[in-house]
PDB file of N, CA and C in Angstrom:
ATOM      1  N   UNK A   1    -115.592 -91.240  -5.669  1.00  0.00           N
ATOM      2  CA  UNK A   1    -114.173 -90.918  -5.695  1.00  0.00           C
ATOM      3  C   UNK A   1    -113.393 -92.144  -6.176  1.00  0.00           C
ATOM      4  N   UNK A   2    -112.375 -91.915  -6.974  1.00  0.00           N
ATOM      5  CA  UNK A   2    -111.526 -92.980  -7.496  1.00  0.00           C
ATOM      6  C   UNK A   2    -110.440 -93.318  -6.477  1.00  0.00           C
ATOM      7  N   UNK A   3    -109.834 -94.475  -6.654  1.00  0.00           N
ATOM      8  CA  UNK A   3    -108.733 -94.863  -5.776  1.00  0.00           C
ATOM      9  C   UNK A   3    -107.573 -95.409  -6.606  1.00  0.00           C
ATOM     10  N   UNK A   4    -106.414 -95.433  -5.978  1.00  0.00           N
ATOM     11  CA  UNK A   4    -105.199 -95.990  -6.570  1.00  0.00           C
ATOM     12  C   UNK A   4    -104.574 -96.876  -5.507  1.00  0.00           C
ATOM     13  N   UNK A   5    -104.288 -98.109  -5.861  1.00  0.00           N
ATOM     14  CA  UNK A   5    -103.654 -99.016  -4.916  1.00  0.00           C
ATOM     15  C   UNK A   5    -102.162 -99.055  -5.205  1.00  0.00           C
ATOM     16  N   UNK A   6    -101.386 -98.767  -4.164  1.00  0.00           N
ATOM     17  CA  UNK A   6     -99.930 -98.764  -4.262  1.00  0.00           C
ATOM     18  C   UNK A   6     -99.415 -99.617  -3.110  1.00  0.00           C
ATOM     19  N   UNK A   7     -98.901-100.784  -3.440  1.00  0.00           N
ATOM     20  CA  UNK A   7     -98.487-101.710  -2.386  1.00  0.00           C
ATOM     21  C   UNK A   7     -99.708-102.091  -1.567  1.00  0.00           C
ATOM     22  N   UNK A   8     -99.612-101.909  -0.256  1.00  0.00           N
ATOM     23  CA  UNK A   8    -100.731-102.240   0.639  1.00  0.00           C
ATOM     24  C   UNK A   8    -101.648-101.057   0.881  1.00  0.00           C
ATOM     25  N   UNK A   9    -101.312 -99.904   0.302  1.00  0.00           N
ATOM     26  CA  UNK A   9    -102.094 -98.682   0.541  1.00  0.00           C
ATOM     27  C   UNK A   9    -103.106 -98.446  -0.574  1.00  0.00           C
ATOM     28  N   UNK A  10    -104.270 -97.937  -0.199  1.00  0.00           N
ATOM     29  CA  UNK A  10    -105.273 -97.492  -1.158  1.00  0.00           C
ATOM     30  C   UNK A  10    -105.416 -95.989  -0.973  1.00  0.00           C
ATOM     31  N   UNK A  11    -105.102 -95.246  -2.033  1.00  0.00           N
ATOM     32  CA  UNK A  11    -105.112 -93.787  -1.979  1.00  0.00           C
ATOM     33  C   UNK A  11    -106.328 -93.240  -2.711  1.00  0.00           C
ATOM     34  N   UNK A  12    -106.888 -92.176  -2.174  1.00  0.00           N
ATOM     35  CA  UNK A  12    -108.037 -91.539  -2.816  1.00  0.00           C
ATOM     36  C   UNK A  12    -107.557 -90.581  -3.897  1.00  0.00           C
ATOM     37  N   UNK A  13    -108.285 -90.598  -5.011  1.00  0.00           N
ATOM     38  CA  UNK A  13    -108.032 -89.692  -6.124  1.00  0.00           C
ATOM     39  C   UNK A  13    -109.288 -88.857  -6.353  1.00  0.00           C
ATOM     40  N   UNK A  14    -109.110 -87.645  -6.870  1.00  0.00           N
ATOM     41  CA  UNK A  14    -110.292 -86.839  -7.221  1.00  0.00           C
ATOM     42  C   UNK A  14    -110.877 -87.331  -8.544  1.00  0.00           C
ATOM     43  N   UNK A  15    -111.916 -86.678  -9.013  1.00  0.00           N
ATOM     44  CA  UNK A  15    -112.610 -87.137 -10.223  1.00  0.00           C
ATOM     45  C   UNK A  15    -111.718 -87.124 -11.464  1.00  0.00           C
ATOM     46  N   UNK A  16    -110.628 -86.334 -11.440  1.00  0.00           N
ATOM     47  CA  UNK A  16    -109.717 -86.250 -12.584  1.00  0.00           C
ATOM     48  C   UNK A  16    -108.479 -87.129 -12.421  1.00  0.00           C
ATOM     49  N   UNK A  17    -108.409 -87.884 -11.320  1.00  0.00           N
ATOM     50  CA  UNK A  17    -107.291 -88.786 -11.117  1.00  0.00           C
ATOM     51  C   UNK A  17    -106.102 -88.195 -10.377  1.00  0.00           C
ATOM     52  N   UNK A  18    -106.272 -87.010  -9.803  1.00  0.00           N
ATOM     53  CA  UNK A  18    -105.210 -86.380  -9.011  1.00  0.00           C
ATOM     54  C   UNK A  18    -105.337 -86.848  -7.562  1.00  0.00           C
ATOM     55  N   UNK A  19    -104.200 -86.906  -6.849  1.00  0.00           N
ATOM     56  CA  UNK A  19    -104.235 -87.309  -5.449  1.00  0.00           C
ATOM     57  C   UNK A  19    -105.142 -86.385  -4.646  1.00  0.00           C
ATOM     58  N   UNK A  20    -105.999 -86.968  -3.824  1.00  0.00           N
ATOM     59  CA  UNK A  20    -106.866 -86.166  -2.951  1.00  0.00           C
ATOM     60  C   UNK A  20    -106.048 -85.559  -1.817  1.00  0.00           C
ATOM     61  N   UNK A  21    -105.042 -86.282  -1.338  1.00  0.00           N
ATOM     62  CA  UNK A  21    -104.175 -85.810  -0.261  1.00  0.00           C
ATOM     63  C   UNK A  21    -102.749 -85.724  -0.801  1.00  0.00           C
ATOM     64  N   UNK A  22    -102.235 -84.511  -0.939  1.00  0.00           N
ATOM     65  CA  UNK A  22    -100.904 -84.310  -1.509  1.00  0.00           C
ATOM     66  C   UNK A  22     -99.816 -84.993  -0.687  1.00  0.00           C
ATOM     67  N   UNK A  23    -100.079 -85.242   0.586  1.00  0.00           N
ATOM     68  CA  UNK A  23     -99.098 -85.909   1.446  1.00  0.00           C
ATOM     69  C   UNK A  23     -98.956 -87.397   1.141  1.00  0.00           C
ATOM     70  N   UNK A  24     -99.845 -87.942   0.314  1.00  0.00           N
ATOM     71  CA  UNK A  24     -99.767 -89.355  -0.060  1.00  0.00           C
ATOM     72  C   UNK A  24     -98.702 -89.611  -1.123  1.00  0.00           C
ATOM     73  N   UNK A  25     -98.144 -88.562  -1.706  1.00  0.00           N
ATOM     74  CA  UNK A  25     -97.224 -88.720  -2.832  1.00  0.00           C
ATOM     75  C   UNK A  25     -95.899 -89.340  -2.406  1.00  0.00           C
ATOM     76  N   UNK A  26     -95.363 -90.180  -3.271  1.00  0.00           N
ATOM     77  CA  UNK A  26     -94.025 -90.752  -3.124  1.00  0.00           C
ATOM     78  C   UNK A  26     -93.575 -91.184  -4.520  1.00  0.00           C
ATOM     79  N   UNK A  27     -92.331 -91.592  -4.643  1.00  0.00           N
ATOM     80  CA  UNK A  27     -91.846 -92.078  -5.936  1.00  0.00           C
ATOM     81  C   UNK A  27     -92.661 -93.295  -6.379  1.00  0.00           C
ATOM     82  N   UNK A  28     -93.011 -94.151  -5.439  1.00  0.00           N
ATOM     83  CA  UNK A  28     -93.813 -95.335  -5.755  1.00  0.00           C
ATOM     84  C   UNK A  28     -95.194 -94.934  -6.281  1.00  0.00           C
ATOM     85  N   UNK A  29     -95.785 -93.911  -5.674  1.00  0.00           N
ATOM     86  CA  UNK A  29     -97.087 -93.405  -6.124  1.00  0.00           C
ATOM     87  C   UNK A  29     -96.955 -92.801  -7.524  1.00  0.00           C
ATOM     88  N   UNK A  30     -95.881 -92.062  -7.762  1.00  0.00           N
ATOM     89  CA  UNK A  30     -95.659 -91.474  -9.089  1.00  0.00           C
ATOM     90  C   UNK A  30     -95.572 -92.566 -10.153  1.00  0.00           C
ATOM     91  N   UNK A  31     -94.863 -93.654  -9.850  1.00  0.00           N
ATOM     92  CA  UNK A  31     -94.770 -94.768 -10.801  1.00  0.00           C
ATOM     93  C   UNK A  31     -96.149 -95.371 -11.065  1.00  0.00           C
ATOM     94  N   UNK A  32     -96.967 -95.528 -10.019  1.00  0.00           N
ATOM     95  CA  UNK A  32     -98.316 -96.099 -10.188  1.00  0.00           C
ATOM     96  C   UNK A  32     -99.198 -95.171 -11.016  1.00  0.00           C
ATOM     97  N   UNK A  33     -99.120 -93.859 -10.759  1.00  0.00           N
ATOM     98  CA  UNK A  33     -99.905 -92.896 -11.543  1.00  0.00           C
ATOM     99  C   UNK A  33     -99.443 -92.903 -13.000  1.00  0.00           C
ATOM    100  N   UNK A  34     -98.146 -92.985 -13.218  1.00  0.00           N
ATOM    101  CA  UNK A  34     -97.608 -93.023 -14.584  1.00  0.00           C
ATOM    102  C   UNK A  34     -98.060 -94.293 -15.303  1.00  0.00           C
ATOM    103  N   UNK A  35     -98.041 -95.412 -14.603  1.00  0.00           N
ATOM    104  CA  UNK A  35     -98.483 -96.675 -15.209  1.00  0.00           C
ATOM    105  C   UNK A  35     -99.935 -96.584 -15.640  1.00  0.00           C
ATOM    106  N   UNK A  36    -100.760 -95.908 -14.848  1.00  0.00           N
ATOM    107  CA  UNK A  36    -102.170 -95.724 -15.201  1.00  0.00           C
ATOM    108  C   UNK A  36    -102.323 -94.878 -16.462  1.00  0.00           C
ATOM    109  N   UNK A  37    -101.305 -94.075 -16.771  1.00  0.00           N
ATOM    110  CA  UNK A  37    -101.308 -93.241 -17.978  1.00  0.00           C
ATOM    111  C   UNK A  37    -100.506 -93.900 -19.110  1.00  0.00           C
ATOM    112  N   UNK A  38    -100.087 -95.156 -18.898  1.00  0.00           N
ATOM    113  CA  UNK A  38     -99.261 -95.896 -19.862  1.00  0.00           C
ATOM    114  C   UNK A  38     -97.959 -95.157 -20.156  1.00  0.00           C
ATOM    115  N   UNK A  39     -97.330 -94.664 -19.099  1.00  0.00           N
ATOM    116  CA  UNK A  39     -96.102 -93.888 -19.222  1.00  0.00           C
ATOM    117  C   UNK A  39     -95.031 -94.489 -18.326  1.00  0.00           C
ATOM    118  N   UNK A  40     -93.845 -94.646 -18.867  1.00  0.00           N
ATOM    119  CA  UNK A  40     -92.691 -95.137 -18.110  1.00  0.00           C
ATOM    120  C   UNK A  40     -91.846 -93.932 -17.731  1.00  0.00           C
ATOM    121  N   UNK A  41     -91.630 -93.726 -16.431  1.00  0.00           N
ATOM    122  CA  UNK A  41     -90.873 -92.564 -15.980  1.00  0.00           C
ATOM    123  C   UNK A  41     -89.374 -92.765 -16.184  1.00  0.00           C
ATOM    124  N   UNK A  42     -88.762 -91.793 -16.829  1.00  0.00           N
ATOM    125  CA  UNK A  42     -87.322 -91.785 -17.094  1.00  0.00           C
ATOM    126  C   UNK A  42     -86.668 -90.704 -16.231  1.00  0.00           C
ATOM    127  N   UNK A  43     -85.342 -90.646 -16.190  1.00  0.00           N
ATOM    128  CA  UNK A  43     -84.692 -89.553 -15.467  1.00  0.00           C
ATOM    129  C   UNK A  43     -85.140 -88.171 -15.945  1.00  0.00           C
ATOM    130  N   UNK A  44     -85.445 -88.029 -17.233  1.00  0.00           N
ATOM    131  CA  UNK A  44     -85.925 -86.738 -17.752  1.00  0.00           C
ATOM    132  C   UNK A  44     -87.281 -86.377 -17.139  1.00  0.00           C
ATOM    133  N   UNK A  45     -88.150 -87.372 -16.947  1.00  0.00           N
ATOM    134  CA  UNK A  45     -89.442 -87.129 -16.289  1.00  0.00           C
ATOM    135  C   UNK A  45     -89.225 -86.706 -14.840  1.00  0.00           C
ATOM    136  N   UNK A  46     -88.361 -87.453 -14.142  1.00  0.00           N
ATOM    137  CA  UNK A  46     -88.113 -87.160 -12.723  1.00  0.00           C
ATOM    138  C   UNK A  46     -87.565 -85.760 -12.527  1.00  0.00           C
ATOM    139  N   UNK A  47     -86.754 -85.306 -13.457  1.00  0.00           N
ATOM    140  CA  UNK A  47     -86.198 -83.951 -13.376  1.00  0.00           C
ATOM    141  C   UNK A  47     -87.320 -82.911 -13.392  1.00  0.00           C
ATOM    142  N   UNK A  48     -88.304 -83.107 -14.254  1.00  0.00           N
ATOM    143  CA  UNK A  48     -89.432 -82.177 -14.349  1.00  0.00           C
ATOM    144  C   UNK A  48     -90.350 -82.323 -13.134  1.00  0.00           C
ATOM    145  N   UNK A  49     -90.577 -83.549 -12.666  1.00  0.00           N
ATOM    146  CA  UNK A  49     -91.434 -83.743 -11.498  1.00  0.00           C
ATOM    147  C   UNK A  49     -90.826 -83.060 -10.269  1.00  0.00           C
ATOM    148  N   UNK A  50     -89.521 -83.187 -10.091  1.00  0.00           N
ATOM    149  CA  UNK A  50     -88.851 -82.521  -8.967  1.00  0.00           C
ATOM    150  C   UNK A  50     -88.969 -81.008  -9.096  1.00  0.00           C
ATOM    151  N   UNK A  51     -88.820 -80.510 -10.314  1.00  0.00           N
ATOM    152  CA  UNK A  51     -88.938 -79.077 -10.570  1.00  0.00           C
ATOM    153  C   UNK A  51     -90.357 -78.584 -10.264  1.00  0.00           C
ATOM    154  N   UNK A  52     -91.359 -79.356 -10.645  1.00  0.00           N
ATOM    155  CA  UNK A  52     -92.753 -78.996 -10.363  1.00  0.00           C
ATOM    156  C   UNK A  52     -93.020 -78.950  -8.865  1.00  0.00           C
ATOM    157  N   UNK A  53     -92.498 -79.912  -8.145  1.00  0.00           N
ATOM    158  CA  UNK A  53     -92.689 -79.927  -6.699  1.00  0.00           C
ATOM    159  C   UNK A  53     -91.992 -78.722  -6.064  1.00  0.00           C
ATOM    160  N   UNK A  54     -90.850 -78.331  -6.616  1.00  0.00           N
ATOM    161  CA  UNK A  54     -90.142 -77.127  -6.153  1.00  0.00           C
ATOM    162  C   UNK A  54     -90.988 -75.880  -6.434  1.00  0.00           C
ATOM    163  N   UNK A  55     -91.576 -75.809  -7.633  1.00  0.00           N
ATOM    164  CA  UNK A  55     -92.451 -74.688  -8.005  1.00  0.00           C
ATOM    165  C   UNK A  55     -93.620 -74.602  -7.032  1.00  0.00           C
ATOM    166  N   UNK A  56     -94.245 -75.760  -6.749  1.00  0.00           N
ATOM    167  CA  UNK A  56     -95.399 -75.787  -5.853  1.00  0.00           C
ATOM    168  C   UNK A  56     -95.003 -75.333  -4.447  1.00  0.00           C
ATOM    169  N   UNK A  57     -93.849 -75.778  -3.971  1.00  0.00           N
ATOM    170  CA  UNK A  57     -93.378 -75.376  -2.637  1.00  0.00           C
ATOM    171  C   UNK A  57     -93.145 -73.870  -2.576  1.00  0.00           C
ATOM    172  N   UNK A  58     -92.693 -73.311  -3.690  1.00  0.00           N
ATOM    173  CA  UNK A  58     -92.397 -71.876  -3.738  1.00  0.00           C
ATOM    174  C   UNK A  58     -93.654 -71.017  -3.894  1.00  0.00           C
ATOM    175  N   UNK A  59     -94.589 -71.454  -4.731  1.00  0.00           N
ATOM    176  CA  UNK A  59     -95.739 -70.612  -5.085  1.00  0.00           C
ATOM    177  C   UNK A  59     -97.100 -71.150  -4.620  1.00  0.00           C
ATOM    178  N   UNK A  60     -97.162 -72.347  -4.042  1.00  0.00           N
ATOM    179  CA  UNK A  60     -98.401 -72.986  -3.586  1.00  0.00           C
ATOM    180  C   UNK A  60     -99.447 -73.139  -4.691  1.00  0.00           C
ATOM    181  N   UNK A  61     -98.999 -73.375  -5.898  1.00  0.00           N
ATOM    182  CA  UNK A  61     -99.913 -73.676  -6.993  1.00  0.00           C
ATOM    183  C   UNK A  61     -99.195 -74.478  -8.057  1.00  0.00           C
ATOM    184  N   UNK A  62     -99.988 -75.191  -8.839  1.00  0.00           N
ATOM    185  CA  UNK A  62     -99.453 -75.949  -9.969  1.00  0.00           C
ATOM    186  C   UNK A  62     -99.456 -75.042 -11.189  1.00  0.00           C
ATOM    187  N   UNK A  63     -98.326 -74.922 -11.874  1.00  0.00           N
ATOM    188  CA  UNK A  63     -98.271 -74.002 -13.008  1.00  0.00           C
ATOM    189  C   UNK A  63     -99.014 -74.523 -14.232  1.00  0.00           C
ATOM    190  N   UNK A  64     -99.597 -73.604 -14.974  1.00  0.00           N
ATOM    191  CA  UNK A  64    -100.149 -73.935 -16.286  1.00  0.00           C
ATOM    192  C   UNK A  64     -98.959 -74.126 -17.233  1.00  0.00           C
ATOM    193  N   UNK A  65     -99.217 -74.456 -18.466  1.00  0.00           N
ATOM    194  CA  UNK A  65     -98.144 -74.797 -19.402  1.00  0.00           C
ATOM    195  C   UNK A  65     -97.131 -73.673 -19.586  1.00  0.00           C
ATOM    196  N   UNK A  66     -97.580 -72.456 -19.829  1.00  0.00           N
ATOM    197  CA  UNK A  66     -96.637 -71.361 -20.102  1.00  0.00           C
ATOM    198  C   UNK A  66     -95.707 -71.070 -18.918  1.00  0.00           C
ATOM    199  N   UNK A  67     -96.240 -70.927 -17.704  1.00  0.00           N
ATOM    200  CA  UNK A  67     -95.332 -70.733 -16.570  1.00  0.00           C
ATOM    201  C   UNK A  67     -94.423 -71.945 -16.330  1.00  0.00           C
ATOM    202  N   UNK A  68     -94.924 -73.151 -16.607  1.00  0.00           N
ATOM    203  CA  UNK A  68     -94.099 -74.345 -16.461  1.00  0.00           C
ATOM    204  C   UNK A  68     -92.909 -74.284 -17.422  1.00  0.00           C
ATOM    205  N   UNK A  69     -93.169 -73.907 -18.656  1.00  0.00           N
ATOM    206  CA  UNK A  69     -92.095 -73.796 -19.653  1.00  0.00           C
ATOM    207  C   UNK A  69     -91.073 -72.743 -19.217  1.00  0.00           C
ATOM    208  N   UNK A  70     -91.561 -71.573 -18.781  1.00  0.00           N
ATOM    209  CA  UNK A  70     -90.654 -70.503 -18.356  1.00  0.00           C
ATOM    210  C   UNK A  70     -89.826 -70.902 -17.151  1.00  0.00           C
ATOM    211  N   UNK A  71     -90.451 -71.554 -16.174  1.00  0.00           N
ATOM    212  CA  UNK A  71     -89.750 -71.970 -14.960  1.00  0.00           C
ATOM    213  C   UNK A  71     -88.711 -73.045 -15.295  1.00  0.00           C
ATOM    214  N   UNK A  72     -89.076 -73.975 -16.166  1.00  0.00           N
ATOM    215  CA  UNK A  72     -88.147 -75.026 -16.579  1.00  0.00           C
ATOM    216  C   UNK A  72     -86.948 -74.422 -17.309  1.00  0.00           C
ATOM    217  N   UNK A  73     -87.201 -73.474 -18.195  1.00  0.00           N
ATOM    218  CA  UNK A  73     -86.109 -72.813 -18.922  1.00  0.00           C
ATOM    219  C   UNK A  73     -85.197 -72.068 -17.947  1.00  0.00           C
ATOM    220  N   UNK A  74     -85.788 -71.421 -16.964  1.00  0.00           N
ATOM    221  CA  UNK A  74     -85.022 -70.678 -15.977  1.00  0.00           C
ATOM    222  C   UNK A  74     -84.122 -71.604 -15.161  1.00  0.00           C
ATOM    223  N   UNK A  75     -84.662 -72.738 -14.744  1.00  0.00           N
ATOM    224  CA  UNK A  75     -83.934 -73.648 -13.851  1.00  0.00           C
ATOM    225  C   UNK A  75     -83.062 -74.669 -14.579  1.00  0.00           C
ATOM    226  N   UNK A  76     -83.492 -75.129 -15.754  1.00  0.00           N
ATOM    227  CA  UNK A  76     -82.786 -76.210 -16.450  1.00  0.00           C
ATOM    228  C   UNK A  76     -82.217 -75.815 -17.802  1.00  0.00           C
ATOM    229  N   UNK A  77     -82.509 -74.600 -18.247  1.00  0.00           N
ATOM    230  CA  UNK A  77     -81.998 -74.137 -19.536  1.00  0.00           C
ATOM    231  C   UNK A  77     -83.013 -74.287 -20.651  1.00  0.00           C
ATOM    232  N   UNK A  78     -82.796 -73.540 -21.745  1.00  0.00           N
ATOM    233  CA  UNK A  78     -83.767 -73.510 -22.845  1.00  0.00           C
ATOM    234  C   UNK A  78     -83.919 -74.836 -23.590  1.00  0.00           C
ATOM    235  N   UNK A  79     -82.901 -75.706 -23.544  1.00  0.00           N
ATOM    236  CA  UNK A  79     -83.034 -76.986 -24.251  1.00  0.00           C
ATOM    237  C   UNK A  79     -84.062 -77.902 -23.583  1.00  0.00           C
ATOM    238  N   UNK A  80     -84.340 -77.662 -22.297  1.00  0.00           N
ATOM    239  CA  UNK A  80     -85.364 -78.450 -21.600  1.00  0.00           C
ATOM    240  C   UNK A  80     -86.619 -77.623 -21.326  1.00  0.00           C
ATOM    241  N   UNK A  81     -86.469 -76.313 -21.273  1.00  0.00           N
ATOM    242  CA  UNK A  81     -87.583 -75.424 -20.997  1.00  0.00           C
ATOM    243  C   UNK A  81     -88.238 -74.952 -22.268  1.00  0.00           C
ATOM    244  N   UNK A  82     -88.792 -75.904 -23.018  1.00  0.00           N
ATOM    245  CA  UNK A  82     -89.529 -75.542 -24.231  1.00  0.00           C
ATOM    246  C   UNK A  82     -90.683 -76.512 -24.407  1.00  0.00           C
ATOM    247  N   UNK A  83     -91.688 -76.080 -25.137  1.00  0.00           N
ATOM    248  CA  UNK A  83     -92.907 -76.879 -25.261  1.00  0.00           C
ATOM    249  C   UNK A  83     -92.653 -78.208 -25.963  1.00  0.00           C
ATOM    250  N   UNK A  84     -91.757 -78.253 -26.926  1.00  0.00           N
ATOM    251  CA  UNK A  84     -91.493 -79.499 -27.651  1.00  0.00           C
ATOM    252  C   UNK A  84     -90.972 -80.581 -26.696  1.00  0.00           C
ATOM    253  N   UNK A  85     -89.998 -80.238 -25.873  1.00  0.00           N
ATOM    254  CA  UNK A  85     -89.423 -81.196 -24.917  1.00  0.00           C
ATOM    255  C   UNK A  85     -90.481 -81.661 -23.913  1.00  0.00           C
ATOM    256  N   UNK A  86     -91.225 -80.724 -23.340  1.00  0.00           N
ATOM    257  CA  UNK A  86     -92.214 -81.074 -22.317  1.00  0.00           C
ATOM    258  C   UNK A  86     -93.392 -81.849 -22.904  1.00  0.00           C
ATOM    259  N   UNK A  87     -93.843 -81.468 -24.087  1.00  0.00           N
ATOM    260  CA  UNK A  87     -94.943 -82.198 -24.739  1.00  0.00           C
ATOM    261  C   UNK A  87     -94.532 -83.631 -25.050  1.00  0.00           C
ATOM    262  N   UNK A  88     -93.275 -83.815 -25.471  1.00  0.00           N
ATOM    263  CA  UNK A  88     -92.783 -85.149 -25.784  1.00  0.00           C
ATOM    264  C   UNK A  88     -92.758 -86.028 -24.523  1.00  0.00           C
ATOM    265  N   UNK A  89     -92.322 -85.456 -23.426  1.00  0.00           N
ATOM    266  CA  UNK A  89     -92.250 -86.210 -22.172  1.00  0.00           C
ATOM    267  C   UNK A  89     -93.629 -86.559 -21.623  1.00  0.00           C
ATOM    268  N   UNK A  90     -94.566 -85.624 -21.741  1.00  0.00           N
ATOM    269  CA  UNK A  90     -95.867 -85.770 -21.076  1.00  0.00           C
ATOM    270  C   UNK A  90     -97.037 -85.826 -22.051  1.00  0.00           C
ATOM    271  N   UNK A  91     -96.847 -86.508 -23.140  1.00  0.00           N
ATOM    272  CA  UNK A  91     -97.919 -86.825 -24.096  1.00  0.00           C
ATOM    273  C   UNK A  91     -98.767 -85.636 -24.531  1.00  0.00           C
ATOM    274  N   UNK A  92     -98.141 -84.484 -24.712  1.00  0.00           N
ATOM    275  CA  UNK A  92     -98.858 -83.322 -25.229  1.00  0.00           C
ATOM    276  C   UNK A  92     -99.662 -82.554 -24.198  1.00  0.00           C
ATOM    277  N   UNK A  93     -99.639 -82.974 -22.934  1.00  0.00           N
ATOM    278  CA  UNK A  93    -100.349 -82.248 -21.873  1.00  0.00           C
ATOM    279  C   UNK A  93     -99.420 -82.073 -20.674  1.00  0.00           C
ATOM    280  N   UNK A  94     -98.311 -81.346 -20.852  1.00  0.00           N
ATOM    281  CA  UNK A  94     -97.298 -81.311 -19.798  1.00  0.00           C
ATOM    282  C   UNK A  94     -97.774 -80.742 -18.466  1.00  0.00           C
ATOM    283  N   UNK A  95     -98.499 -79.667 -18.453  1.00  0.00           N
ATOM    284  CA  UNK A  95     -98.887 -79.058 -17.176  1.00  0.00           C
ATOM    285  C   UNK A  95     -99.810 -79.989 -16.389  1.00  0.00           C
ATOM    286  N   UNK A  96    -100.817 -80.539 -17.050  1.00  0.00           N
ATOM    287  CA  UNK A  96    -101.786 -81.398 -16.355  1.00  0.00           C
ATOM    288  C   UNK A  96    -101.178 -82.729 -15.945  1.00  0.00           C
ATOM    289  N   UNK A  97    -100.554 -83.419 -16.887  1.00  0.00           N
ATOM    290  CA  UNK A  97    -100.035 -84.754 -16.588  1.00  0.00           C
ATOM    291  C   UNK A  97     -98.849 -84.690 -15.622  1.00  0.00           C
ATOM    292  N   UNK A  98     -97.956 -83.743 -15.810  1.00  0.00           N
ATOM    293  CA  UNK A  98     -96.800 -83.636 -14.909  1.00  0.00           C
ATOM    294  C   UNK A  98     -97.254 -83.294 -13.493  1.00  0.00           C
ATOM    295  N   UNK A  99     -98.234 -82.416 -13.354  1.00  0.00           N
ATOM    296  CA  UNK A  99     -98.756 -82.081 -12.024  1.00  0.00           C
ATOM    297  C   UNK A  99     -99.358 -83.318 -11.371  1.00  0.00           C
ATOM    298  N   UNK A 100    -100.113 -84.099 -12.137  1.00  0.00           N
ATOM    299  CA  UNK A 100    -100.727 -85.319 -11.602  1.00  0.00           C
ATOM    300  C   UNK A 100     -99.638 -86.280 -11.112  1.00  0.00           C
ATOM    301  N   UNK A 101     -98.618 -86.504 -11.927  1.00  0.00           N
ATOM    302  CA  UNK A 101     -97.560 -87.448 -11.574  1.00  0.00           C
ATOM    303  C   UNK A 101     -96.702 -86.941 -10.422  1.00  0.00           C
ATOM    304  N   UNK A 102     -96.616 -85.622 -10.268  1.00  0.00           N
ATOM    305  CA  UNK A 102     -95.842 -85.024  -9.175  1.00  0.00           C
ATOM    306  C   UNK A 102     -96.654 -84.968  -7.887  1.00  0.00           C
ATOM    307  N   UNK A 103     -97.899 -85.434  -7.935  1.00  0.00           N
ATOM    308  CA  UNK A 103     -98.742 -85.457  -6.739  1.00  0.00           C
ATOM    309  C   UNK A 103     -99.319 -84.108  -6.378  1.00  0.00           C
ATOM    310  N   UNK A 104     -99.405 -83.217  -7.357  1.00  0.00           N
ATOM    311  CA  UNK A 104     -99.887 -81.854  -7.126  1.00  0.00           C
ATOM    312  C   UNK A 104    -101.316 -81.692  -7.628  1.00  0.00           C
ATOM    313  N   UNK A 105    -101.995 -80.621  -7.204  1.00  0.00           N
ATOM    314  CA  UNK A 105    -103.351 -80.377  -7.718  1.00  0.00           C
ATOM    315  C   UNK A 105    -103.331 -80.055  -9.218  1.00  0.00           C
ATOM    316  N   UNK A 106    -104.459 -80.245  -9.841  1.00  0.00           N
ATOM    317  CA  UNK A 106    -104.610 -79.879 -11.247  1.00  0.00           C
ATOM    318  C   UNK A 106    -104.395 -78.376 -11.383  1.00  0.00           C
ATOM    319  N   UNK A 107    -103.601 -77.963 -12.404  1.00  0.00           N
ATOM    320  CA  UNK A 107    -103.449 -76.510 -12.617  1.00  0.00           C
ATOM    321  C   UNK A 107    -104.825 -75.885 -12.864  1.00  0.00           C
ATOM    322  N   UNK A 108    -105.098 -74.770 -12.202  1.00  0.00           N
ATOM    323  CA  UNK A 108    -106.440 -74.201 -12.215  1.00  0.00           C
ATOM    324  C   UNK A 108    -106.874 -73.697 -13.584  1.00  0.00           C
ATOM    325  N   UNK A 109    -105.956 -73.233 -14.405  1.00  0.00           N
ATOM    326  CA  UNK A 109    -106.382 -72.686 -15.700  1.00  0.00           C
ATOM    327  C   UNK A 109    -106.091 -73.621 -16.864  1.00  0.00           C
ATOM    328  N   UNK A 110    -106.041 -74.937 -16.608  1.00  0.00           N
ATOM    329  CA  UNK A 110    -105.912 -75.922 -17.676  1.00  0.00           C
ATOM    330  C   UNK A 110    -107.264 -76.594 -17.879  1.00  0.00           C
ATOM    331  N   UNK A 111    -107.670 -76.696 -19.121  1.00  0.00           N
ATOM    332  CA  UNK A 111    -108.957 -77.318 -19.432  1.00  0.00           C
ATOM    333  C   UNK A 111    -108.912 -78.814 -19.177  1.00  0.00           C
TER     334      UNK A 111
END
């Protein structure tokens, strides 16, 4: 099992780099996970991460790309709820990378 060190804490990650314990997530953890992906989190990223956590709280699952796009469009409007915007923010893998940074499980139907 992989680990991530955040401050004085060492967190367990699964084989794909997702948090083993969803309760370990925090903004500090999100920054550390993003740094491991060579990504600097901006307010636009945080908006999507908060939305993903809201989706997970509502449906108890991490959305694949298509449901993520639809949910984002529903909640934030079509200018943000489209594949171009999300791909740009999350390096072409919005569902997988955004779920990882939001401290959620890997979407089940993403390769």
